[in-house]
Amino acid sequence: MMSADDPWLLLKRFTDARIGLGRAGSGMPTREVLSFSMAHAQARDAVKTPIDWTTIEEELAALGLETLRIASAAPDRDTYLRRPDLGRRLSAESRQALAALPPAEADLLIIIGDGLSSTAVTANAVPAIAALLPHVRKNEWRLGPVLLATQARVALCDDAGEFVKARAAVMLIGERPGLSSPDSLGAYLTWEPRVGRKDGERNCISNIRVGGLSADEAAFKIAWLLREAFRRRLTGVNLKDESNYQLEASKPPRSLASP
């Protein structure tokens, strides 16, 4: 049992990590055991729960965006978890659906993939896109339909992006859940997506969630990286995220306290 003046209480305010759990005899307190069990169950649910695209479609339609459902070559969740390679390629049906789209080269393709956390996508994907749209319009980037990808891995954006001839792609995908963050969304940016792109040719912005990186902050970073990608015609290790410098420069100067 912790006392009111326990120094761990102050430190616990600054992290979701499990620190200063206390003891009950030779073991952990019951509340901490139950808390761990709950976090583990939430992480498993995030991976296993099928995503409901209907609500996301309706929310994106309210933003004025068209959507199209696609799927990877993984036919079910168990296969998806055992065969990551299948999650990186489009299914035959999805290829047909993309081929049926009117021919139009998009500057930017946005894909939402369920990934390893449907919880993250349901909670954070639409807010992230809503925050990104003003940047898209300001930069006059042409958007294709937002693709809603089931059983998706990050590299599925390469197959889909190459198929629709997008100049750049942003994949919003549920990240592998942790025991303190089952709802973390990742954003992966790829210049000229095509099959065979390496992870080092992408930029990643992670931990987009309430309690992590906010939707507005994530959108600012995504837009900054996209502008640089279009200017320099690349993404990945040769494109460093320096958006924080611009963000700090845009803040009003701190007022000096009176002597």
C-alpha atoms as a PDB file:
ATOM      1  CA  MET A   1       0.000   0.000   0.000  1.00  0.00           C
ATOM      2  CA  MET A   2       1.351   3.414  -0.962  1.00  0.00           C
ATOM      3  CA  SER A   3       1.367   6.312   1.434  1.00  0.00           C
ATOM      4  CA  ALA A   4       0.311   9.818   0.437  1.00  0.00           C
ATOM      5  CA  ASP A   5       3.932  11.007   0.466  1.00  0.00           C
ATOM      6  CA  ASP A   6       5.207   8.095  -1.654  1.00  0.00           C
ATOM      7  CA  PRO A   7       7.538   9.603  -4.337  1.00  0.00           C
ATOM      8  CA  TRP A   8       6.212   7.108  -6.892  1.00  0.00           C
ATOM      9  CA  LEU A   9       2.845   8.900  -6.890  1.00  0.00           C
ATOM     10  CA  LEU A  10       4.426  12.019  -8.381  1.00  0.00           C
ATOM     11  CA  LEU A  11       6.298  10.035 -11.041  1.00  0.00           C
ATOM     12  CA  LYS A  12       3.193   8.068 -12.052  1.00  0.00           C
ATOM     13  CA  ARG A  13       1.602  11.312 -13.197  1.00  0.00           C
ATOM     14  CA  PHE A  14       4.088  11.535 -16.079  1.00  0.00           C
ATOM     15  CA  THR A  15       3.854   8.049 -17.567  1.00  0.00           C
ATOM     16  CA  ASP A  16       1.382   5.293 -18.405  1.00  0.00           C
ATOM     17  CA  ALA A  17       4.091   2.731 -17.642  1.00  0.00           C
ATOM     18  CA  ARG A  18       3.480   0.397 -14.730  1.00  0.00           C
ATOM     19  CA  ILE A  19       5.803   1.788 -12.067  1.00  0.00           C
ATOM     20  CA  GLY A  20       5.520   1.890  -8.310  1.00  0.00           C
ATOM     21  CA  LEU A  21       2.871  -0.841  -8.214  1.00  0.00           C
ATOM     22  CA  GLY A  22       3.301  -1.529  -4.515  1.00  0.00           C
ATOM     23  CA  ARG A  23       3.158  -4.889  -2.778  1.00  0.00           C
ATOM     24  CA  ALA A  24       0.657  -7.049  -0.959  1.00  0.00           C
ATOM     25  CA  GLY A  25       2.684  -9.508   1.048  1.00  0.00           C
ATOM     26  CA  SER A  26       4.934 -11.299  -1.440  1.00  0.00           C
ATOM     27  CA  GLY A  27       2.864 -10.306  -4.488  1.00  0.00           C
ATOM     28  CA  MET A  28       1.279  -7.347  -6.219  1.00  0.00           C
ATOM     29  CA  PRO A  29      -1.877  -5.655  -4.926  1.00  0.00           C
ATOM     30  CA  THR A  30      -5.094  -7.135  -6.283  1.00  0.00           C
ATOM     31  CA  ARG A  31      -6.017  -3.886  -8.048  1.00  0.00           C
ATOM     32  CA  GLU A  32      -2.766  -4.002 -10.044  1.00  0.00           C
ATOM     33  CA  VAL A  33      -3.272  -7.644 -11.008  1.00  0.00           C
ATOM     34  CA  LEU A  34      -6.787  -6.850 -12.216  1.00  0.00           C
ATOM     35  CA  SER A  35      -5.574  -3.737 -14.027  1.00  0.00           C
ATOM     36  CA  PHE A  36      -2.939  -5.773 -15.878  1.00  0.00           C
ATOM     37  CA  SER A  37      -5.502  -8.416 -16.819  1.00  0.00           C
ATOM     38  CA  MET A  38      -7.838  -5.726 -18.149  1.00  0.00           C
ATOM     39  CA  ALA A  39      -5.073  -4.115 -20.213  1.00  0.00           C
ATOM     40  CA  HIS A  40      -4.133  -7.495 -21.657  1.00  0.00           C
ATOM     41  CA  ALA A  41      -7.769  -8.185 -22.571  1.00  0.00           C
ATOM     42  CA  GLN A  42      -8.077  -4.764 -24.242  1.00  0.00           C
ATOM     43  CA  ALA A  43      -4.949  -5.426 -26.296  1.00  0.00           C
ATOM     44  CA  ARG A  44      -6.300  -8.802 -27.441  1.00  0.00           C
ATOM     45  CA  ASP A  45      -9.653  -7.257 -28.297  1.00  0.00           C
ATOM     46  CA  ALA A  46      -7.935  -4.530 -30.333  1.00  0.00           C
ATOM     47  CA  VAL A  47      -6.250  -7.191 -32.467  1.00  0.00           C
ATOM     48  CA  LYS A  48      -9.161  -9.603 -32.782  1.00  0.00           C
ATOM     49  CA  THR A  49     -12.255  -7.391 -33.010  1.00  0.00           C
ATOM     50  CA  PRO A  50     -13.437  -6.954 -36.627  1.00  0.00           C
ATOM     51  CA  ILE A  51     -13.656  -3.339 -37.697  1.00  0.00           C
ATOM     52  CA  ASP A  52     -16.999  -1.730 -38.498  1.00  0.00           C
ATOM     53  CA  TRP A  53     -16.419   0.369 -41.617  1.00  0.00           C
ATOM     54  CA  THR A  54     -20.003   1.637 -41.829  1.00  0.00           C
ATOM     55  CA  THR A  55     -19.636   4.338 -39.184  1.00  0.00           C
ATOM     56  CA  ILE A  56     -16.289   5.439 -40.611  1.00  0.00           C
ATOM     57  CA  GLU A  57     -17.797   5.651 -44.099  1.00  0.00           C
ATOM     58  CA  GLU A  58     -20.621   7.836 -42.789  1.00  0.00           C
ATOM     59  CA  GLU A  59     -18.238  10.151 -40.923  1.00  0.00           C
ATOM     60  CA  LEU A  60     -15.978  10.534 -43.964  1.00  0.00           C
ATOM     61  CA  ALA A  61     -18.997  11.203 -46.172  1.00  0.00           C
ATOM     62  CA  ALA A  62     -19.927  14.025 -43.801  1.00  0.00           C
ATOM     63  CA  LEU A  63     -16.472  15.474 -44.529  1.00  0.00           C
ATOM     64  CA  GLY A  64     -17.202  15.320 -48.256  1.00  0.00           C
ATOM     65  CA  LEU A  65     -14.952  12.344 -48.966  1.00  0.00           C
ATOM     66  CA  GLU A  66     -15.657   9.348 -51.153  1.00  0.00           C
ATOM     67  CA  THR A  67     -14.624   5.926 -49.894  1.00  0.00           C
ATOM     68  CA  LEU A  68     -13.992   2.493 -51.341  1.00  0.00           C
ATOM     69  CA  ARG A  69     -13.583  -0.715 -49.407  1.00  0.00           C
ATOM     70  CA  ILE A  70     -10.705  -2.973 -50.354  1.00  0.00           C
ATOM     71  CA  ALA A  71      -9.027  -5.976 -48.757  1.00  0.00           C
ATOM     72  CA  SER A  72      -5.669  -7.646 -48.724  1.00  0.00           C
ATOM     73  CA  ALA A  73      -4.996 -11.142 -49.996  1.00  0.00           C
ATOM     74  CA  ALA A  74      -5.360 -12.492 -46.436  1.00  0.00           C
ATOM     75  CA  PRO A  75      -8.818 -14.127 -46.432  1.00  0.00           C
ATOM     76  CA  ASP A  76      -9.387 -13.997 -42.653  1.00  0.00           C
ATOM     77  CA  ARG A  77      -7.895 -12.692 -39.415  1.00  0.00           C
ATOM     78  CA  ASP A  78      -6.055 -15.848 -38.437  1.00  0.00           C
ATOM     79  CA  THR A  79      -4.356 -16.033 -41.829  1.00  0.00           C
ATOM     80  CA  TYR A  80      -3.545 -12.318 -41.621  1.00  0.00           C
ATOM     81  CA  LEU A  81      -1.758 -12.805 -38.299  1.00  0.00           C
ATOM     82  CA  ARG A  82       0.175 -15.861 -39.524  1.00  0.00           C
ATOM     83  CA  ARG A  83       0.983 -14.558 -43.008  1.00  0.00           C
ATOM     84  CA  PRO A  84       2.083 -10.904 -42.953  1.00  0.00           C
ATOM     85  CA  ASP A  85       3.078 -11.170 -46.617  1.00  0.00           C
ATOM     86  CA  LEU A  86      -0.557 -11.620 -47.673  1.00  0.00           C
ATOM     87  CA  GLY A  87      -1.531  -8.452 -45.844  1.00  0.00           C
ATOM     88  CA  ARG A  88       0.796  -6.477 -48.120  1.00  0.00           C
ATOM     89  CA  ARG A  89      -0.932  -7.416 -51.387  1.00  0.00           C
ATOM     90  CA  LEU A  90      -4.367  -6.604 -52.751  1.00  0.00           C
ATOM     91  CA  SER A  91      -6.974  -9.301 -53.163  1.00  0.00           C
ATOM     92  CA  ALA A  92      -8.121 -10.093 -56.704  1.00  0.00           C
ATOM     93  CA  GLU A  93     -11.535  -8.541 -55.963  1.00  0.00           C
ATOM     94  CA  SER A  94      -9.897  -5.318 -54.762  1.00  0.00           C
ATOM     95  CA  ARG A  95      -7.852  -5.080 -57.936  1.00  0.00           C
ATOM     96  CA  GLN A  96     -11.049  -5.310 -59.935  1.00  0.00           C
ATOM     97  CA  ALA A  97     -12.691  -2.624 -57.784  1.00  0.00           C
ATOM     98  CA  LEU A  98      -9.745  -0.256 -58.238  1.00  0.00           C
ATOM     99  CA  ALA A  99      -9.603  -0.969 -61.963  1.00  0.00           C
ATOM    100  CA  ALA A 100     -13.256   0.087 -62.215  1.00  0.00           C
ATOM    101  CA  LEU A 101     -12.516   3.574 -60.860  1.00  0.00           C
ATOM    102  CA  PRO A 102     -12.608   6.446 -63.366  1.00  0.00           C
ATOM    103  CA  PRO A 103      -9.039   7.141 -64.586  1.00  0.00           C
ATOM    104  CA  ALA A 104      -7.620  10.032 -62.583  1.00  0.00           C
ATOM    105  CA  GLU A 105      -4.135  10.511 -61.206  1.00  0.00           C
ATOM    106  CA  ALA A 106      -4.275  11.599 -57.562  1.00  0.00           C
ATOM    107  CA  ASP A 107      -1.602  13.636 -55.849  1.00  0.00           C
ATOM    108  CA  LEU A 108      -2.417  11.959 -52.561  1.00  0.00           C
ATOM    109  CA  LEU A 109      -3.967   8.616 -51.727  1.00  0.00           C
ATOM    110  CA  ILE A 110      -5.243   8.123 -48.177  1.00  0.00           C
ATOM    111  CA  ILE A 111      -5.706   4.556 -47.011  1.00  0.00           C
ATOM    112  CA  ILE A 112      -7.155   3.519 -43.674  1.00  0.00           C
ATOM    113  CA  GLY A 113      -6.064   0.024 -42.694  1.00  0.00           C
ATOM    114  CA  ASP A 114      -7.374  -1.967 -39.749  1.00  0.00           C
ATOM    115  CA  GLY A 115      -3.858  -3.245 -39.038  1.00  0.00           C
ATOM    116  CA  LEU A 116      -3.357  -4.696 -35.582  1.00  0.00           C
ATOM    117  CA  SER A 117      -5.855  -2.485 -33.752  1.00  0.00           C
ATOM    118  CA  SER A 118      -9.392  -1.877 -34.937  1.00  0.00           C
ATOM    119  CA  THR A 119      -9.813   0.090 -31.698  1.00  0.00           C
ATOM    120  CA  ALA A 120      -7.223   2.631 -32.833  1.00  0.00           C
ATOM    121  CA  VAL A 121      -8.780   3.072 -36.264  1.00  0.00           C
ATOM    122  CA  THR A 122     -12.309   3.459 -34.939  1.00  0.00           C
ATOM    123  CA  ALA A 123     -11.240   6.083 -32.400  1.00  0.00           C
ATOM    124  CA  ASN A 124      -8.630   8.082 -34.294  1.00  0.00           C
ATOM    125  CA  ALA A 125      -8.681   7.700 -38.086  1.00  0.00           C
ATOM    126  CA  VAL A 126     -11.524  10.112 -38.873  1.00  0.00           C
ATOM    127  CA  PRO A 127     -10.306  12.848 -36.468  1.00  0.00           C
ATOM    128  CA  ALA A 128      -6.851  12.604 -38.038  1.00  0.00           C
ATOM    129  CA  ILE A 129      -8.258  12.979 -41.557  1.00  0.00           C
ATOM    130  CA  ALA A 130     -10.539  15.826 -40.492  1.00  0.00           C
ATOM    131  CA  ALA A 131      -7.508  17.665 -39.115  1.00  0.00           C
ATOM    132  CA  LEU A 132      -5.501  16.938 -42.263  1.00  0.00           C
ATOM    133  CA  LEU A 133      -8.096  18.143 -44.786  1.00  0.00           C
ATOM    134  CA  PRO A 134      -7.450  21.903 -44.317  1.00  0.00           C
ATOM    135  CA  HIS A 135      -3.777  21.266 -45.138  1.00  0.00           C
ATOM    136  CA  VAL A 136      -4.764  19.229 -48.198  1.00  0.00           C
ATOM    137  CA  ARG A 137      -6.972  22.022 -49.489  1.00  0.00           C
ATOM    138  CA  LYS A 138      -4.407  24.721 -48.735  1.00  0.00           C
ATOM    139  CA  ASN A 139      -1.775  22.854 -50.753  1.00  0.00           C
ATOM    140  CA  GLU A 140      -4.285  21.980 -53.503  1.00  0.00           C
ATOM    141  CA  TRP A 141      -3.454  18.281 -53.421  1.00  0.00           C
ATOM    142  CA  ARG A 142      -5.844  16.186 -55.488  1.00  0.00           C
ATOM    143  CA  LEU A 143      -7.369  13.347 -53.479  1.00  0.00           C
ATOM    144  CA  GLY A 144      -8.602  10.016 -54.722  1.00  0.00           C
ATOM    145  CA  PRO A 145     -11.250   8.044 -52.834  1.00  0.00           C
ATOM    146  CA  VAL A 146     -10.230   7.132 -49.299  1.00  0.00           C
ATOM    147  CA  LEU A 147      -9.534   3.393 -49.333  1.00  0.00           C
ATOM    148  CA  LEU A 148     -10.769   1.361 -46.363  1.00  0.00           C
ATOM    149  CA  ALA A 149      -8.544  -1.699 -46.193  1.00  0.00           C
ATOM    150  CA  THR A 150      -9.345  -4.874 -44.273  1.00  0.00           C
ATOM    151  CA  GLN A 151      -6.581  -7.245 -43.101  1.00  0.00           C
ATOM    152  CA  ALA A 152      -4.066  -4.568 -44.082  1.00  0.00           C
ATOM    153  CA  ARG A 153      -0.342  -4.266 -43.497  1.00  0.00           C
ATOM    154  CA  VAL A 154       1.531  -1.018 -44.091  1.00  0.00           C
ATOM    155  CA  ALA A 155       2.930  -2.097 -47.460  1.00  0.00           C
ATOM    156  CA  LEU A 156      -0.572  -2.578 -48.873  1.00  0.00           C
ATOM    157  CA  CYS A 157      -0.371   1.134 -49.671  1.00  0.00           C
ATOM    158  CA  ASP A 158       2.381   0.317 -52.172  1.00  0.00           C
ATOM    159  CA  ASP A 159       0.217  -2.088 -54.137  1.00  0.00           C
ATOM    160  CA  ALA A 160      -2.855   0.162 -54.023  1.00  0.00           C
ATOM    161  CA  GLY A 161      -0.897   3.365 -54.653  1.00  0.00           C
ATOM    162  CA  GLU A 162       0.882   1.906 -57.675  1.00  0.00           C
ATOM    163  CA  PHE A 163      -2.400   0.612 -59.036  1.00  0.00           C
ATOM    164  CA  VAL A 164      -4.070   4.048 -58.951  1.00  0.00           C
ATOM    165  CA  LYS A 165      -0.869   5.927 -59.916  1.00  0.00           C
ATOM    166  CA  ALA A 166      -0.796   8.118 -56.797  1.00  0.00           C
ATOM    167  CA  ARG A 167       2.149  10.465 -56.370  1.00  0.00           C
ATOM    168  CA  ALA A 168       2.155   9.921 -52.604  1.00  0.00           C
ATOM    169  CA  ALA A 169       0.280   7.768 -50.116  1.00  0.00           C
ATOM    170  CA  VAL A 170      -0.624   8.105 -46.460  1.00  0.00           C
ATOM    171  CA  MET A 171      -1.537   4.900 -44.679  1.00  0.00           C
ATOM    172  CA  LEU A 172      -3.382   5.354 -41.381  1.00  0.00           C
ATOM    173  CA  ILE A 173      -3.240   2.014 -39.629  1.00  0.00           C
ATOM    174  CA  GLY A 174      -3.842   0.480 -36.218  1.00  0.00           C
ATOM    175  CA  GLU A 175      -0.536  -0.103 -34.462  1.00  0.00           C
ATOM    176  CA  ARG A 176       0.356  -3.197 -32.475  1.00  0.00           C
ATOM    177  CA  PRO A 177      -1.373  -2.585 -29.127  1.00  0.00           C
ATOM    178  CA  GLY A 178       0.630  -2.124 -25.978  1.00  0.00           C
ATOM    179  CA  LEU A 179      -0.580  -2.774 -22.457  1.00  0.00           C
ATOM    180  CA  SER A 180      -1.074   0.957 -21.895  1.00  0.00           C
ATOM    181  CA  SER A 181      -2.137   1.984 -25.408  1.00  0.00           C
ATOM    182  CA  PRO A 182      -4.445  -0.408 -27.296  1.00  0.00           C
ATOM    183  CA  ASP A 183      -5.745   2.520 -29.370  1.00  0.00           C
ATOM    184  CA  SER A 184      -2.588   3.892 -31.006  1.00  0.00           C
ATOM    185  CA  LEU A 185      -2.805   4.886 -34.687  1.00  0.00           C
ATOM    186  CA  GLY A 186       0.188   5.138 -36.997  1.00  0.00           C
ATOM    187  CA  ALA A 187       0.594   7.224 -40.169  1.00  0.00           C
ATOM    188  CA  TYR A 188       3.012   5.990 -42.854  1.00  0.00           C
ATOM    189  CA  LEU A 189       3.966   8.300 -45.733  1.00  0.00           C
ATOM    190  CA  THR A 190       5.365   6.916 -48.989  1.00  0.00           C
ATOM    191  CA  TRP A 191       6.479   8.875 -52.048  1.00  0.00           C
ATOM    192  CA  GLU A 192       5.540   7.233 -55.362  1.00  0.00           C
ATOM    193  CA  PRO A 193       4.225   4.031 -53.766  1.00  0.00           C
ATOM    194  CA  ARG A 194       4.999   0.852 -55.672  1.00  0.00           C
ATOM    195  CA  VAL A 195       5.450  -2.799 -54.838  1.00  0.00           C
ATOM    196  CA  GLY A 196       8.936  -3.401 -53.479  1.00  0.00           C
ATOM    197  CA  ARG A 197       9.303  -0.207 -51.461  1.00  0.00           C
ATOM    198  CA  LYS A 198      11.363  -0.716 -48.292  1.00  0.00           C
ATOM    199  CA  ASP A 199      10.481   0.476 -44.801  1.00  0.00           C
ATOM    200  CA  GLY A 200      13.419   2.867 -44.999  1.00  0.00           C
ATOM    201  CA  GLU A 201      11.620   4.643 -47.837  1.00  0.00           C
ATOM    202  CA  ARG A 202       8.736   5.700 -45.601  1.00  0.00           C
ATOM    203  CA  ASN A 203       8.194   8.229 -42.835  1.00  0.00           C
ATOM    204  CA  CYS A 204       6.224   7.154 -39.796  1.00  0.00           C
ATOM    205  CA  ILE A 205       4.260   9.186 -37.267  1.00  0.00           C
ATOM    206  CA  SER A 206       3.094   7.005 -34.406  1.00  0.00           C
ATOM    207  CA  ASN A 207       1.089   7.108 -31.185  1.00  0.00           C
ATOM    208  CA  ILE A 208      -1.770   9.180 -32.615  1.00  0.00           C
ATOM    209  CA  ARG A 209      -4.401   8.960 -29.904  1.00  0.00           C
ATOM    210  CA  VAL A 210      -5.924  10.725 -26.959  1.00  0.00           C
ATOM    211  CA  GLY A 211      -3.133  10.748 -24.390  1.00  0.00           C
ATOM    212  CA  GLY A 212      -0.499  10.593 -27.134  1.00  0.00           C
ATOM    213  CA  LEU A 213      -0.038  12.716 -30.254  1.00  0.00           C
ATOM    214  CA  SER A 214      -3.219  14.673 -30.920  1.00  0.00           C
ATOM    215  CA  ALA A 215      -4.985  14.618 -34.294  1.00  0.00           C
ATOM    216  CA  ASP A 216      -4.068  18.270 -34.915  1.00  0.00           C
ATOM    217  CA  GLU A 217      -0.384  17.700 -34.117  1.00  0.00           C
ATOM    218  CA  ALA A 218      -0.300  14.582 -36.279  1.00  0.00           C
ATOM    219  CA  ALA A 219      -1.967  16.403 -39.181  1.00  0.00           C
ATOM    220  CA  PHE A 220       0.577  19.227 -38.939  1.00  0.00           C
ATOM    221  CA  LYS A 221       3.451  16.737 -39.100  1.00  0.00           C
ATOM    222  CA  ILE A 222       1.896  14.751 -41.946  1.00  0.00           C
ATOM    223  CA  ALA A 223       1.302  17.933 -43.967  1.00  0.00           C
ATOM    224  CA  TRP A 224       4.845  19.176 -43.333  1.00  0.00           C
ATOM    225  CA  LEU A 225       6.346  15.878 -44.451  1.00  0.00           C
ATOM    226  CA  LEU A 226       4.094  15.745 -47.510  1.00  0.00           C
ATOM    227  CA  ARG A 227       5.096  19.242 -48.595  1.00  0.00           C
ATOM    228  CA  GLU A 228       8.745  18.271 -48.310  1.00  0.00           C
ATOM    229  CA  ALA A 229       8.083  14.974 -50.084  1.00  0.00           C
ATOM    230  CA  PHE A 230       6.494  16.755 -53.042  1.00  0.00           C
ATOM    231  CA  ARG A 231       9.311  19.301 -53.095  1.00  0.00           C
ATOM    232  CA  ARG A 232      12.177  16.840 -52.750  1.00  0.00           C
ATOM    233  CA  ARG A 233      10.466  13.839 -54.390  1.00  0.00           C
ATOM    234  CA  LEU A 234      11.274  11.368 -51.643  1.00  0.00           C
ATOM    235  CA  THR A 235      10.272   9.999 -48.273  1.00  0.00           C
ATOM    236  CA  GLY A 236      12.108   7.852 -45.755  1.00  0.00           C
ATOM    237  CA  VAL A 237      15.447   8.105 -44.004  1.00  0.00           C
ATOM    238  CA  ASN A 238      16.578  10.979 -46.221  1.00  0.00           C
ATOM    239  CA  LEU A 239      13.598  13.098 -45.176  1.00  0.00           C
ATOM    240  CA  LYS A 240      13.873  14.120 -41.526  1.00  0.00           C
ATOM    241  CA  ASP A 241      10.846  15.384 -39.649  1.00  0.00           C
ATOM    242  CA  GLU A 242      11.785  18.958 -38.742  1.00  0.00           C
ATOM    243  CA  SER A 243       8.194  20.129 -38.363  1.00  0.00           C
ATOM    244  CA  ASN A 244       8.751  20.854 -34.683  1.00  0.00           C
ATOM    245  CA  TYR A 245      10.964  23.820 -35.591  1.00  0.00           C
ATOM    246  CA  GLN A 246       8.161  25.370 -37.622  1.00  0.00           C
ATOM    247  CA  LEU A 247       5.642  24.546 -34.923  1.00  0.00           C
ATOM    248  CA  GLU A 248       7.730  26.213 -32.245  1.00  0.00           C
ATOM    249  CA  ALA A 249       8.375  29.248 -34.459  1.00  0.00           C
ATOM    250  CA  SER A 250       4.632  29.733 -34.938  1.00  0.00           C
ATOM    251  CA  LYS A 251       3.991  29.975 -31.209  1.00  0.00           C
ATOM    252  CA  PRO A 252       3.772  33.435 -29.613  1.00  0.00           C
ATOM    253  CA  PRO A 253       6.889  34.469 -27.679  1.00  0.00           C
ATOM    254  CA  ARG A 254       6.863  33.853 -23.974  1.00  0.00           C
ATOM    255  CA  SER A 255       6.321  36.926 -21.856  1.00  0.00           C
ATOM    256  CA  LEU A 256       9.035  37.722 -19.359  1.00  0.00           C
ATOM    257  CA  ALA A 257       7.993  37.909 -15.734  1.00  0.00           C
ATOM    258  CA  SER A 258       8.267  41.303 -14.120  1.00  0.00           C
ATOM    259  CA  PRO A 259      11.305  41.703 -11.836  1.00  0.00           C
END
